[in-house]
Amino acid sequence: MKGRHLSSLLILTAALGIAVFVIYDHRTDSASEDPLSIYLENEGIEDVDSRAEGETEEYLERDKEGIQPGMLLKDVPLPLVDGEGEMAISDFRGHYVILNVWATWCAPCREEKPDLTRIHREYYDEGVRVVGLNRTSQESDLDNIHRFLEEFDVTYPNLMDEEDEAARAYQVIGMPLTYVLDPDGRIITRRQGMVNYDMLTGDLETAREKYEETE
């Protein structure tokens, strides 16, 4: 009797051990697919989306706020880096807008900055406004922001997201992230990952075509 009782106890213990392992293994696999886990593993820079870096989603016009092409981007007033009050996307109504989310420690942000400043310089008179959105909550020193902007001779306005208010509204998982908006504040493209001059000029052309179709 004692032998059979001991055998049953050993079998039960082994079964429980297997069950615990399966549950742990399943949780581990699930965690590895979690966007935040992937974001942290990639040092908060790379795209966690399944699309290729820089690829944008299909445009589907809808009269609601959101983050998908065709939706209206939420208005989030934020302080300017230079300390001259606040600005929001609605302040740029009537212009095509390139909204670029960045941080000083983000290597791709550094690489794309010259192309953004070039777009600002060449397309300003054509009604295009480039706007930077710094993830200030992720910066270790505010002086780094000023040094970064001075290094790349950035003269377009930059907003400070100090409390992650815009990051939540715009679902910023990785950086850089760039939105192109039409004059009504509607999203034309949403690109996760580094952009370049050709991408941006192509997106602006698409924005003009789609906007003129609705006029």
C-alpha atoms as a PDB file:
ATOM      1  CA  MET A   1       0.000   0.000   0.000  1.00  0.00           C
ATOM      2  CA  LYS A   2       2.746   2.382   0.958  1.00  0.00           C
ATOM      3  CA  GLY A   3       4.579   1.589  -2.287  1.00  0.00           C
ATOM      4  CA  ARG A   4       1.524   2.265  -4.418  1.00  0.00           C
ATOM      5  CA  HIS A   5       0.812   5.479  -2.483  1.00  0.00           C
ATOM      6  CA  LEU A   6       4.388   6.646  -3.014  1.00  0.00           C
ATOM      7  CA  SER A   7       4.204   5.837  -6.741  1.00  0.00           C
ATOM      8  CA  SER A   8       0.960   7.776  -7.097  1.00  0.00           C
ATOM      9  CA  LEU A   9       2.511  10.729  -5.288  1.00  0.00           C
ATOM     10  CA  LEU A  10       5.549  10.699  -7.590  1.00  0.00           C
ATOM     11  CA  ILE A  11       3.323  10.547 -10.695  1.00  0.00           C
ATOM     12  CA  LEU A  12       1.214  13.459  -9.423  1.00  0.00           C
ATOM     13  CA  THR A  13       4.345  15.492  -8.652  1.00  0.00           C
ATOM     14  CA  ALA A  14       5.752  14.830 -12.128  1.00  0.00           C
ATOM     15  CA  ALA A  15       2.439  15.811 -13.768  1.00  0.00           C
ATOM     16  CA  LEU A  16       2.322  19.055 -11.818  1.00  0.00           C
ATOM     17  CA  GLY A  17       5.900  19.789 -12.829  1.00  0.00           C
ATOM     18  CA  ILE A  18       5.083  19.283 -16.506  1.00  0.00           C
ATOM     19  CA  ALA A  19       1.991  21.499 -16.234  1.00  0.00           C
ATOM     20  CA  VAL A  20       3.984  24.304 -14.623  1.00  0.00           C
ATOM     21  CA  PHE A  21       6.626  24.064 -17.355  1.00  0.00           C
ATOM     22  CA  VAL A  22       4.019  24.198 -20.136  1.00  0.00           C
ATOM     23  CA  ILE A  23       2.321  27.252 -18.591  1.00  0.00           C
ATOM     24  CA  TYR A  24       5.663  29.016 -18.071  1.00  0.00           C
ATOM     25  CA  ASP A  25       6.786  28.178 -21.592  1.00  0.00           C
ATOM     26  CA  HIS A  26       3.525  29.494 -23.042  1.00  0.00           C
ATOM     27  CA  ARG A  27       3.843  32.738 -21.063  1.00  0.00           C
ATOM     28  CA  THR A  28       7.432  33.130 -22.197  1.00  0.00           C
ATOM     29  CA  ASP A  29       6.410  32.717 -25.846  1.00  0.00           C
ATOM     30  CA  SER A  30       3.544  35.180 -25.412  1.00  0.00           C
ATOM     31  CA  ALA A  31       5.814  37.741 -23.762  1.00  0.00           C
ATOM     32  CA  SER A  32       8.271  37.491 -26.635  1.00  0.00           C
ATOM     33  CA  GLU A  33       5.476  38.529 -29.009  1.00  0.00           C
ATOM     34  CA  ASP A  34       4.367  41.459 -26.865  1.00  0.00           C
ATOM     35  CA  PRO A  35       5.112  44.831 -28.584  1.00  0.00           C
ATOM     36  CA  LEU A  36       6.533  46.379 -25.429  1.00  0.00           C
ATOM     37  CA  SER A  37       8.904  43.422 -24.917  1.00  0.00           C
ATOM     38  CA  ILE A  38      10.123  43.648 -28.510  1.00  0.00           C
ATOM     39  CA  TYR A  39      10.431  47.438 -28.157  1.00  0.00           C
ATOM     40  CA  LEU A  40      12.633  47.075 -25.080  1.00  0.00           C
ATOM     41  CA  GLU A  41      14.702  44.319 -26.669  1.00  0.00           C
ATOM     42  CA  ASN A  42      15.362  46.632 -29.623  1.00  0.00           C
ATOM     43  CA  GLU A  43      16.370  49.535 -27.374  1.00  0.00           C
ATOM     44  CA  GLY A  44      13.197  51.433 -28.149  1.00  0.00           C
ATOM     45  CA  ILE A  45      14.181  52.299 -31.686  1.00  0.00           C
ATOM     46  CA  GLU A  46      13.133  49.654 -34.161  1.00  0.00           C
ATOM     47  CA  ASP A  47       9.670  49.129 -35.587  1.00  0.00           C
ATOM     48  CA  VAL A  48       7.665  46.435 -33.826  1.00  0.00           C
ATOM     49  CA  ASP A  49       5.163  46.276 -36.668  1.00  0.00           C
ATOM     50  CA  SER A  50       5.177  43.318 -39.025  1.00  0.00           C
ATOM     51  CA  ARG A  51       5.516  45.648 -42.033  1.00  0.00           C
ATOM     52  CA  ALA A  52       8.895  46.507 -43.489  1.00  0.00           C
ATOM     53  CA  GLU A  53      10.541  49.598 -42.044  1.00  0.00           C
ATOM     54  CA  GLY A  54       9.185  52.756 -43.635  1.00  0.00           C
ATOM     55  CA  GLU A  55       6.216  50.998 -45.247  1.00  0.00           C
ATOM     56  CA  THR A  56       2.889  52.723 -44.767  1.00  0.00           C
ATOM     57  CA  GLU A  57      -0.657  51.411 -44.441  1.00  0.00           C
ATOM     58  CA  GLU A  58      -3.481  51.615 -46.970  1.00  0.00           C
ATOM     59  CA  TYR A  59      -5.414  54.893 -46.999  1.00  0.00           C
ATOM     60  CA  LEU A  60      -9.072  54.621 -45.983  1.00  0.00           C
ATOM     61  CA  GLU A  61     -10.812  57.952 -45.343  1.00  0.00           C
ATOM     62  CA  ARG A  62     -12.869  58.099 -42.143  1.00  0.00           C
ATOM     63  CA  ASP A  63     -14.200  61.090 -40.209  1.00  0.00           C
ATOM     64  CA  LYS A  64     -12.849  59.953 -36.846  1.00  0.00           C
ATOM     65  CA  GLU A  65      -9.687  60.453 -34.859  1.00  0.00           C
ATOM     66  CA  GLY A  66      -7.067  57.745 -34.926  1.00  0.00           C
ATOM     67  CA  ILE A  67      -3.627  56.820 -36.179  1.00  0.00           C
ATOM     68  CA  GLN A  68      -4.422  55.083 -39.466  1.00  0.00           C
ATOM     69  CA  PRO A  69      -4.135  56.752 -42.900  1.00  0.00           C
ATOM     70  CA  GLY A  70      -7.467  58.378 -43.700  1.00  0.00           C
ATOM     71  CA  MET A  71      -8.225  59.276 -40.073  1.00  0.00           C
ATOM     72  CA  LEU A  72      -7.867  62.655 -38.366  1.00  0.00           C
ATOM     73  CA  LEU A  73      -4.862  62.971 -36.084  1.00  0.00           C
ATOM     74  CA  LYS A  74      -5.781  63.979 -32.544  1.00  0.00           C
ATOM     75  CA  ASP A  75      -4.941  67.519 -31.490  1.00  0.00           C
ATOM     76  CA  VAL A  76      -2.487  67.507 -28.552  1.00  0.00           C
ATOM     77  CA  PRO A  77      -1.241  70.976 -27.454  1.00  0.00           C
ATOM     78  CA  LEU A  78       2.361  70.782 -26.226  1.00  0.00           C
ATOM     79  CA  PRO A  79       5.057  73.270 -25.174  1.00  0.00           C
ATOM     80  CA  LEU A  80       7.658  74.326 -27.707  1.00  0.00           C
ATOM     81  CA  VAL A  81      11.317  73.465 -27.149  1.00  0.00           C
ATOM     82  CA  ASP A  82      12.271  77.132 -27.398  1.00  0.00           C
ATOM     83  CA  GLY A  83       9.882  77.983 -24.561  1.00  0.00           C
ATOM     84  CA  GLU A  84       7.683  80.252 -26.691  1.00  0.00           C
ATOM     85  CA  GLY A  85       4.304  78.921 -25.577  1.00  0.00           C
ATOM     86  CA  GLU A  86       2.414  75.904 -26.921  1.00  0.00           C
ATOM     87  CA  MET A  87       1.459  74.545 -30.315  1.00  0.00           C
ATOM     88  CA  ALA A  88      -0.772  71.789 -31.643  1.00  0.00           C
ATOM     89  CA  ILE A  89      -1.401  70.207 -35.023  1.00  0.00           C
ATOM     90  CA  SER A  90      -4.507  72.379 -35.424  1.00  0.00           C
ATOM     91  CA  ASP A  91      -2.221  75.431 -35.564  1.00  0.00           C
ATOM     92  CA  PHE A  92      -1.030  74.184 -38.956  1.00  0.00           C
ATOM     93  CA  ARG A  93      -4.446  73.772 -40.582  1.00  0.00           C
ATOM     94  CA  GLY A  94      -4.335  74.844 -44.206  1.00  0.00           C
ATOM     95  CA  HIS A  95      -0.829  73.406 -44.627  1.00  0.00           C
ATOM     96  CA  TYR A  96       0.532  69.981 -45.442  1.00  0.00           C
ATOM     97  CA  VAL A  97       2.299  68.751 -42.312  1.00  0.00           C
ATOM     98  CA  ILE A  98       5.165  66.343 -41.711  1.00  0.00           C
ATOM     99  CA  LEU A  99       5.110  65.393 -38.031  1.00  0.00           C
ATOM    100  CA  ASN A 100       8.286  63.611 -36.969  1.00  0.00           C
ATOM    101  CA  VAL A 101       8.622  61.897 -33.569  1.00  0.00           C
ATOM    102  CA  TRP A 102      12.227  61.689 -32.383  1.00  0.00           C
ATOM    103  CA  ALA A 103      14.705  61.541 -29.492  1.00  0.00           C
ATOM    104  CA  THR A 104      18.336  62.623 -29.221  1.00  0.00           C
ATOM    105  CA  TRP A 105      19.575  59.081 -28.439  1.00  0.00           C
ATOM    106  CA  CYS A 106      17.802  57.516 -31.429  1.00  0.00           C
ATOM    107  CA  ALA A 107      20.393  56.772 -34.149  1.00  0.00           C
ATOM    108  CA  PRO A 108      17.880  56.607 -37.056  1.00  0.00           C
ATOM    109  CA  CYS A 109      16.464  59.946 -35.903  1.00  0.00           C
ATOM    110  CA  ARG A 110      19.904  61.437 -36.330  1.00  0.00           C
ATOM    111  CA  GLU A 111      20.321  59.926 -39.799  1.00  0.00           C
ATOM    112  CA  GLU A 112      17.027  61.237 -41.159  1.00  0.00           C
ATOM    113  CA  LYS A 113      17.288  64.749 -39.696  1.00  0.00           C
ATOM    114  CA  PRO A 114      19.187  66.309 -42.662  1.00  0.00           C
ATOM    115  CA  ASP A 115      16.440  65.186 -45.064  1.00  0.00           C
ATOM    116  CA  LEU A 116      13.745  66.664 -42.824  1.00  0.00           C
ATOM    117  CA  THR A 117      15.544  70.007 -42.648  1.00  0.00           C
ATOM    118  CA  ARG A 118      15.951  69.908 -46.438  1.00  0.00           C
ATOM    119  CA  ILE A 119      12.219  69.341 -46.912  1.00  0.00           C
ATOM    120  CA  HIS A 120      11.507  72.244 -44.566  1.00  0.00           C
ATOM    121  CA  ARG A 121      13.814  74.515 -46.531  1.00  0.00           C
ATOM    122  CA  GLU A 122      12.672  73.512 -50.031  1.00  0.00           C
ATOM    123  CA  TYR A 123       8.923  73.043 -49.501  1.00  0.00           C
ATOM    124  CA  TYR A 124       8.041  75.767 -46.995  1.00  0.00           C
ATOM    125  CA  ASP A 125       6.920  78.194 -49.701  1.00  0.00           C
ATOM    126  CA  GLU A 126       4.731  75.437 -51.179  1.00  0.00           C
ATOM    127  CA  GLY A 127       2.652  75.247 -48.016  1.00  0.00           C
ATOM    128  CA  VAL A 128       4.476  72.396 -46.270  1.00  0.00           C
ATOM    129  CA  ARG A 129       5.266  72.563 -42.556  1.00  0.00           C
ATOM    130  CA  VAL A 130       7.691  70.212 -40.826  1.00  0.00           C
ATOM    131  CA  VAL A 131       7.041  69.784 -37.094  1.00  0.00           C
ATOM    132  CA  GLY A 132       9.212  67.844 -34.666  1.00  0.00           C
ATOM    133  CA  LEU A 133       7.857  66.010 -31.629  1.00  0.00           C
ATOM    134  CA  ASN A 134      10.548  65.210 -29.080  1.00  0.00           C
ATOM    135  CA  ARG A 135       9.950  62.330 -26.650  1.00  0.00           C
ATOM    136  CA  THR A 136      11.061  64.547 -23.777  1.00  0.00           C
ATOM    137  CA  SER A 137       9.929  62.025 -21.177  1.00  0.00           C
ATOM    138  CA  GLN A 138      12.679  59.732 -22.510  1.00  0.00           C
ATOM    139  CA  GLU A 139      15.473  62.321 -22.476  1.00  0.00           C
ATOM    140  CA  SER A 140      18.066  62.384 -19.692  1.00  0.00           C
ATOM    141  CA  ASP A 141      18.956  66.059 -20.129  1.00  0.00           C
ATOM    142  CA  LEU A 142      17.028  68.903 -21.746  1.00  0.00           C
ATOM    143  CA  ASP A 143      20.288  70.474 -22.885  1.00  0.00           C
ATOM    144  CA  ASN A 144      20.758  67.463 -25.189  1.00  0.00           C
ATOM    145  CA  ILE A 145      17.668  68.529 -27.118  1.00  0.00           C
ATOM    146  CA  HIS A 146      19.016  72.015 -27.769  1.00  0.00           C
ATOM    147  CA  ARG A 147      22.439  70.690 -28.757  1.00  0.00           C
ATOM    148  CA  PHE A 148      20.845  68.194 -31.137  1.00  0.00           C
ATOM    149  CA  LEU A 149      18.755  70.851 -32.878  1.00  0.00           C
ATOM    150  CA  GLU A 150      21.704  73.208 -33.139  1.00  0.00           C
ATOM    151  CA  GLU A 151      23.914  70.476 -34.592  1.00  0.00           C
ATOM    152  CA  PHE A 152      21.499  69.904 -37.481  1.00  0.00           C
ATOM    153  CA  ASP A 153      20.548  73.582 -37.832  1.00  0.00           C
ATOM    154  CA  VAL A 154      16.875  72.767 -37.265  1.00  0.00           C
ATOM    155  CA  THR A 155      14.709  75.868 -37.592  1.00  0.00           C
ATOM    156  CA  TYR A 156      11.256  74.280 -37.827  1.00  0.00           C
ATOM    157  CA  PRO A 157       9.178  74.103 -34.604  1.00  0.00           C
ATOM    158  CA  ASN A 158       9.677  71.239 -32.162  1.00  0.00           C
ATOM    159  CA  LEU A 159       7.216  70.226 -29.477  1.00  0.00           C
ATOM    160  CA  MET A 160       8.100  68.652 -26.121  1.00  0.00           C
ATOM    161  CA  ASP A 161       6.142  65.569 -25.057  1.00  0.00           C
ATOM    162  CA  GLU A 162       7.047  65.728 -21.376  1.00  0.00           C
ATOM    163  CA  GLU A 163       4.265  63.499 -20.019  1.00  0.00           C
ATOM    164  CA  ASP A 164       3.909  61.079 -22.960  1.00  0.00           C
ATOM    165  CA  GLU A 165       0.527  62.610 -23.749  1.00  0.00           C
ATOM    166  CA  ALA A 166       1.179  62.674 -27.502  1.00  0.00           C
ATOM    167  CA  ALA A 167       3.030  59.354 -27.392  1.00  0.00           C
ATOM    168  CA  ARG A 168      -0.105  57.674 -26.070  1.00  0.00           C
ATOM    169  CA  ALA A 169      -2.445  59.484 -28.456  1.00  0.00           C
ATOM    170  CA  TYR A 170      -0.265  58.676 -31.471  1.00  0.00           C
ATOM    171  CA  GLN A 171       0.643  55.155 -30.237  1.00  0.00           C
ATOM    172  CA  VAL A 172       4.387  55.746 -30.398  1.00  0.00           C
ATOM    173  CA  ILE A 173       6.028  52.351 -29.834  1.00  0.00           C
ATOM    174  CA  GLY A 174       9.368  52.924 -31.573  1.00  0.00           C
ATOM    175  CA  MET A 175      11.236  55.867 -33.037  1.00  0.00           C
ATOM    176  CA  PRO A 176      11.446  57.533 -35.389  1.00  0.00           C
ATOM    177  CA  LEU A 177       7.799  57.775 -36.403  1.00  0.00           C
ATOM    178  CA  THR A 178       6.552  60.140 -39.099  1.00  0.00           C
ATOM    179  CA  TYR A 179       3.052  61.263 -40.049  1.00  0.00           C
ATOM    180  CA  VAL A 180       2.192  63.190 -43.212  1.00  0.00           C
ATOM    181  CA  LEU A 181      -1.075  65.145 -42.913  1.00  0.00           C
ATOM    182  CA  ASP A 182      -3.216  67.026 -45.405  1.00  0.00           C
ATOM    183  CA  PRO A 183      -4.404  70.618 -44.770  1.00  0.00           C
ATOM    184  CA  ASP A 184      -7.434  69.301 -42.842  1.00  0.00           C
ATOM    185  CA  GLY A 185      -5.240  67.360 -40.416  1.00  0.00           C
ATOM    186  CA  ARG A 186      -6.085  64.016 -41.996  1.00  0.00           C
ATOM    187  CA  ILE A 187      -3.382  61.335 -41.977  1.00  0.00           C
ATOM    188  CA  ILE A 188      -2.037  60.510 -45.427  1.00  0.00           C
ATOM    189  CA  THR A 189       0.812  58.251 -44.352  1.00  0.00           C
ATOM    190  CA  ARG A 190       2.157  56.872 -41.085  1.00  0.00           C
ATOM    191  CA  ARG A 191       5.706  55.577 -41.380  1.00  0.00           C
ATOM    192  CA  GLN A 192       7.404  53.652 -38.593  1.00  0.00           C
ATOM    193  CA  GLY A 193      11.173  53.757 -38.935  1.00  0.00           C
ATOM    194  CA  MET A 194      13.611  56.060 -40.678  1.00  0.00           C
ATOM    195  CA  VAL A 195      12.384  58.187 -43.588  1.00  0.00           C
ATOM    196  CA  ASN A 196      14.332  59.897 -46.346  1.00  0.00           C
ATOM    197  CA  TYR A 197      13.896  62.721 -48.825  1.00  0.00           C
ATOM    198  CA  ASP A 198      12.396  60.577 -51.594  1.00  0.00           C
ATOM    199  CA  MET A 199       9.869  58.957 -49.231  1.00  0.00           C
ATOM    200  CA  LEU A 200       8.726  62.323 -47.933  1.00  0.00           C
ATOM    201  CA  THR A 201       8.424  64.003 -51.335  1.00  0.00           C
ATOM    202  CA  GLY A 202       6.468  60.982 -52.564  1.00  0.00           C
ATOM    203  CA  ASP A 203       4.144  61.176 -49.553  1.00  0.00           C
ATOM    204  CA  LEU A 204       3.617  64.905 -50.116  1.00  0.00           C
ATOM    205  CA  GLU A 205       2.681  64.248 -53.734  1.00  0.00           C
ATOM    206  CA  THR A 206       0.210  61.593 -52.597  1.00  0.00           C
ATOM    207  CA  ALA A 207      -1.193  64.031 -50.039  1.00  0.00           C
ATOM    208  CA  ARG A 208      -1.781  66.674 -52.696  1.00  0.00           C
ATOM    209  CA  GLU A 209      -3.494  64.195 -55.015  1.00  0.00           C
ATOM    210  CA  LYS A 210      -5.824  62.857 -52.338  1.00  0.00           C
ATOM    211  CA  TYR A 211      -6.649  66.296 -50.965  1.00  0.00           C
ATOM    212  CA  GLU A 212      -7.416  67.739 -54.382  1.00  0.00           C
ATOM    213  CA  GLU A 213      -9.751  64.805 -55.080  1.00  0.00           C
ATOM    214  CA  THR A 214     -11.938  65.848 -52.163  1.00  0.00           C
ATOM    215  CA  GLU A 215     -12.115  69.548 -53.006  1.00  0.00           C
END
